[in-house]
Structure formats: structure tokens, C-alpha cells
């Protein structure tokens, strides 16, 4: 079965309690990449399917879904999902877990330090050095990734440059490590020079 359809079907068959537990585990999952709370809370199974696929790719979404199903004691559903998609799943931490190996290859060294700690350590420099133009692009990226709400974006946009930078970094920091990782990655994409100057690389 097509992986997208299989994941969507699996989520649609969960009881409300199991679906809520699944979403809770997804929000608190420790592996990289992490999923920010705002992308999960209050979403239906169609939306959670898209979150999984956009974050982990097709095969990764199946593997992560199976991992979370096992965490909430839905082993039968996990086995059925794997069987329907032909994906082979290894327990997290095992040496033959391809998803873990892929994650370790793709996640750079800075991810070994929690992103919220990293962002907090450069807060003052971020406020003083990130330009107005970069801040505007960061706000767009953060809204696009559902890290901030539209009202949070408009609130920040209405402020002078340094206050805007302060609001961006503090709002994102309050949302946790996954949100901070999105901001750091967006800064790397938009302004690689400042990203390196802040020792985020």
C-alpha cells in the first residue's frame, strides 16, 4: 500500500484516546527532527499524516509512526502498518536501525547541544546583529513552519528592529527545543554569515 495512504488509514482507525496518546508521544519524541507542539495540537488525522510525511519523508513517517504506536501499546496497529507498507522497522537504539543511522548522518554537530540552550547562549548577539531584512524573512519561515501564529508574527513586525529581534528569539525560545531548531536552521538558510558568526555551526 502507498505509505501516505497506509499512515492515514492507520491514524483513522485509532480510538480517540489512542490518537490523543499518539499525538502526545509525537510532540514529546526526543529523536531528531522534532515536531513542535503547534503543528500537532488540535489537528485531525489528515493533518497529522501530513506532519509526519513532511517531517520524516515517506519511509521515515512509517518508521516513526510504528515507533510511537509501540510506545502507546498499539503493537498490533504498528505491525499492520509495517506489513501494509513493506517497511522493516528496528527498535530505537538498535545497531541496525536505518532511520537512526540516517538521522545521525544528516544531523550536524550542533544538534548534539539542545537547540534551546544554544539559542539562549547567543540571545544578546542575535538581538544586536540580525538585520531587519533577515528578521522579516525569519518571521515568514517561522509562520510557514507553524512555529509561531499569525498574531505573533504581526506583533513582532510592528516593533522596531531590536525589539523585533528580542520578541522573535524570546517567543521561539519559550516554545522549546524543536522550535529553536527551526529558527536556527532558518537563520542558516537566510544568513549563513551571521549563523557562523554566532557559532551556531
Protein backbone atom coordinates (compact mmCIF):
# COMPACT_ATOMS: atom_id res chain seq x y z
CA UNK A 1 0.00 0.00 0.00
CA UNK A 2 1.09 3.59 -0.63
CA UNK A 3 2.83 4.82 2.53
CA UNK A 4 0.80 8.03 2.76
CA UNK A 5 -2.48 6.10 2.48
CA UNK A 6 -1.29 3.49 4.97
CA UNK A 7 -0.34 6.06 7.60
CA UNK A 8 -3.59 7.98 7.11
CA UNK A 9 -5.65 4.77 7.31
CA UNK A 10 -3.85 3.67 10.47
CA UNK A 11 -4.46 7.02 12.19
CA UNK A 12 -8.12 6.99 11.12
CA UNK A 13 -8.69 3.64 12.84
CA UNK A 14 -7.25 4.65 16.22
CA UNK A 15 -9.65 5.35 19.05
CA UNK A 16 -9.77 8.97 20.23
CA UNK A 17 -7.76 8.04 23.33
CA UNK A 18 -5.10 6.24 21.28
CA UNK A 19 -4.97 9.07 18.72
CA UNK A 20 -4.52 11.63 21.51
CA UNK A 21 -1.77 9.47 23.05
CA UNK A 22 -0.12 9.12 19.64
CA UNK A 23 -0.08 12.90 19.18
CA UNK A 24 1.26 13.40 22.70
CA UNK A 25 4.12 10.97 22.02
CA UNK A 26 4.85 12.74 18.72
CA UNK A 27 5.14 16.10 20.48
CA UNK A 28 7.48 14.70 23.12
CA UNK A 29 9.56 12.45 20.89
CA UNK A 30 13.26 13.04 21.63
CA UNK A 31 14.79 11.99 18.32
CA UNK A 32 15.70 14.47 15.60
CA UNK A 33 13.97 16.04 13.80
CA UNK A 34 11.48 17.06 16.44
CA UNK A 35 7.93 18.25 15.84
CA UNK A 36 6.79 21.46 17.51
CA UNK A 37 3.64 21.40 19.63
CA UNK A 38 1.74 23.92 17.48
CA UNK A 39 1.92 21.56 14.48
CA UNK A 40 0.21 18.76 16.44
CA UNK A 41 -2.23 20.18 18.98
CA UNK A 42 -5.85 20.12 17.84
CA UNK A 43 -5.05 18.52 14.47
CA UNK A 44 -7.03 15.69 12.87
CA UNK A 45 -5.61 12.51 11.36
CA UNK A 46 -5.36 14.04 7.86
CA UNK A 47 -3.21 16.87 9.23
CA UNK A 48 -1.06 14.60 11.41
CA UNK A 49 -0.38 12.42 8.36
CA UNK A 50 0.95 15.47 6.51
CA UNK A 51 3.05 16.49 9.52
CA UNK A 52 4.64 13.02 9.64
CA UNK A 53 5.34 12.91 5.90
CA UNK A 54 6.70 16.46 5.66
CA UNK A 55 8.95 15.95 8.67
CA UNK A 56 10.27 12.41 8.16
CA UNK A 57 9.66 11.54 4.44
CA UNK A 58 7.56 8.52 3.40
CA UNK A 59 9.58 5.66 4.88
CA UNK A 60 10.62 7.68 7.94
CA UNK A 61 6.98 8.56 8.61
CA UNK A 62 6.07 4.87 8.69
CA UNK A 63 9.00 4.05 10.98
CA UNK A 64 8.24 6.89 13.38
CA UNK A 65 4.53 6.04 13.38
CA UNK A 66 5.36 2.41 14.23
CA UNK A 67 7.72 3.59 16.97
CA UNK A 68 5.01 5.79 18.50
CA UNK A 69 2.35 3.08 18.20
CA UNK A 70 4.59 0.71 20.14
CA UNK A 71 5.11 3.43 22.77
CA UNK A 72 1.34 3.66 23.34
CA UNK A 73 0.88 -0.12 23.39
CA UNK A 74 -0.71 -0.35 19.94
CA UNK A 75 1.66 -3.08 18.74
CA UNK A 76 -1.00 -4.70 16.53
CA UNK A 77 -1.55 -1.44 14.64
CA UNK A 78 2.22 -0.94 14.33
CA UNK A 79 2.69 -4.43 12.88
CA UNK A 80 -0.19 -3.93 10.45
CA UNK A 81 1.24 -0.61 9.26
CA UNK A 82 4.67 -2.14 8.65
CA UNK A 83 3.16 -5.14 6.87
CA UNK A 84 1.00 -2.92 4.64
CA UNK A 85 3.95 -0.77 3.57
CA UNK A 86 6.74 -3.35 3.48
CA UNK A 87 8.88 -1.20 5.75
CA UNK A 88 11.24 -3.05 8.07
CA UNK A 89 11.45 -1.46 11.49
CA UNK A 90 14.19 -1.82 14.09
CA UNK A 91 13.75 -0.86 17.71
CA UNK A 92 15.12 2.61 18.55
CA UNK A 93 18.74 2.33 19.69
CA UNK A 94 19.47 -0.91 17.86
CA UNK A 95 22.55 -1.00 15.63
CA UNK A 96 20.54 -1.97 12.54
CA UNK A 97 18.04 0.87 12.73
CA UNK A 98 18.32 2.59 9.31
CA UNK A 99 16.28 5.61 10.41
CA UNK A 100 18.63 6.21 13.32
CA UNK A 101 21.70 5.87 11.08
CA UNK A 102 20.22 8.27 8.54
CA UNK A 103 19.40 10.75 11.29
CA UNK A 104 22.93 10.55 12.67
CA UNK A 105 24.40 11.23 9.22
CA UNK A 106 22.09 14.16 8.49
CA UNK A 107 22.07 15.91 11.86
CA UNK A 108 25.10 18.15 12.24
CA UNK A 109 27.22 18.50 15.34
CA UNK A 110 25.30 21.45 16.76
CA UNK A 111 22.24 19.24 17.22
CA UNK A 112 24.06 17.38 19.98
CA UNK A 113 23.58 20.52 22.06
CA UNK A 114 19.91 21.22 22.82
CA UNK A 115 18.77 23.96 20.46
CA UNK A 116 17.07 25.96 23.21
CA UNK A 117 20.34 26.11 25.18
CA UNK A 118 22.23 27.12 22.06
CA UNK A 119 19.78 29.90 21.23
CA UNK A 120 19.76 31.19 24.80
CA UNK A 121 23.56 31.39 24.78
CA UNK A 122 23.56 33.73 21.74
CA UNK A 123 20.43 35.73 22.62
CA UNK A 124 22.16 39.10 23.09
CA UNK A 125 24.26 38.73 19.95
CA UNK A 126 21.20 37.65 17.97
CA UNK A 127 19.31 40.77 19.06
CA UNK A 128 22.23 43.07 18.23
CA UNK A 129 23.40 41.54 14.97
CA UNK A 130 20.48 40.12 12.99
CA UNK A 131 19.33 42.66 10.41
CA UNK A 132 15.80 43.95 9.80
CA UNK A 133 15.61 42.17 6.43
CA UNK A 134 16.69 38.85 7.93
CA UNK A 135 14.19 39.21 10.79
CA UNK A 136 11.36 39.69 8.27
CA UNK A 137 12.38 36.52 6.42
CA UNK A 138 12.73 34.59 9.68
CA UNK A 139 9.19 35.56 10.65
CA UNK A 140 7.93 34.26 7.32
CA UNK A 141 9.78 30.97 7.80
CA UNK A 142 8.57 30.55 11.37
CA UNK A 143 4.96 31.14 10.33
CA UNK A 144 5.33 28.77 7.38
CA UNK A 145 6.64 26.03 9.68
CA UNK A 146 3.84 26.75 12.18
CA UNK A 147 6.28 27.64 14.94
CA UNK A 148 4.55 30.99 15.52
CA UNK A 149 0.98 32.11 14.97
CA UNK A 150 -0.15 34.88 12.64
CA UNK A 151 -0.83 37.17 15.62
CA UNK A 152 2.67 36.55 16.99
CA UNK A 153 4.14 37.40 13.60
CA UNK A 154 2.18 40.65 13.26
CA UNK A 155 3.02 41.61 16.85
CA UNK A 156 6.75 41.25 16.15
CA UNK A 157 6.51 43.03 12.79
CA UNK A 158 5.04 46.12 14.43
CA UNK A 159 8.10 46.68 16.60
CA UNK A 160 11.44 48.48 15.98
CA UNK A 161 14.37 46.30 14.90
CA UNK A 162 15.94 45.43 18.26
CA UNK A 163 12.57 44.90 19.95
CA UNK A 164 11.54 42.76 16.98
CA UNK A 165 14.67 40.61 17.31
CA UNK A 166 14.08 40.29 21.05
CA UNK A 167 10.47 39.22 20.53
CA UNK A 168 11.42 36.67 17.85
CA UNK A 169 14.12 34.97 19.91
CA UNK A 170 12.13 35.01 23.17
CA UNK A 171 8.85 33.82 21.62
CA UNK A 172 10.57 30.91 19.88
CA UNK A 173 12.65 30.02 22.95
CA UNK A 174 9.50 29.71 25.06
CA UNK A 175 8.18 27.09 22.62
CA UNK A 176 11.01 24.64 23.30
CA UNK A 177 13.98 22.97 21.64
CA UNK A 178 12.18 21.88 18.46
CA UNK A 179 11.01 25.44 17.76
CA UNK A 180 14.52 26.76 18.45
CA UNK A 181 15.95 24.24 15.98
CA UNK A 182 13.59 25.55 13.28
CA UNK A 183 14.77 29.12 13.94
CA UNK A 184 18.45 28.14 13.87
CA UNK A 185 18.03 26.22 10.62
CA UNK A 186 16.11 29.12 9.07
CA UNK A 187 18.90 31.53 10.03
CA UNK A 188 21.46 29.21 8.45
CA UNK A 189 19.45 29.26 5.22
CA UNK A 190 18.76 33.01 5.16
CA UNK A 191 22.03 34.43 6.51
CA UNK A 192 24.85 31.85 6.63
CA UNK A 193 27.38 34.53 7.64
CA UNK A 194 25.55 35.53 10.85
CA UNK A 195 24.80 31.86 11.52
CA UNK A 196 28.56 31.17 11.55
CA UNK A 197 29.39 34.37 13.44
CA UNK A 198 27.04 33.30 16.23
CA UNK A 199 28.90 29.97 16.40
CA UNK A 200 25.76 28.03 15.57
CA UNK A 201 27.68 25.90 13.05
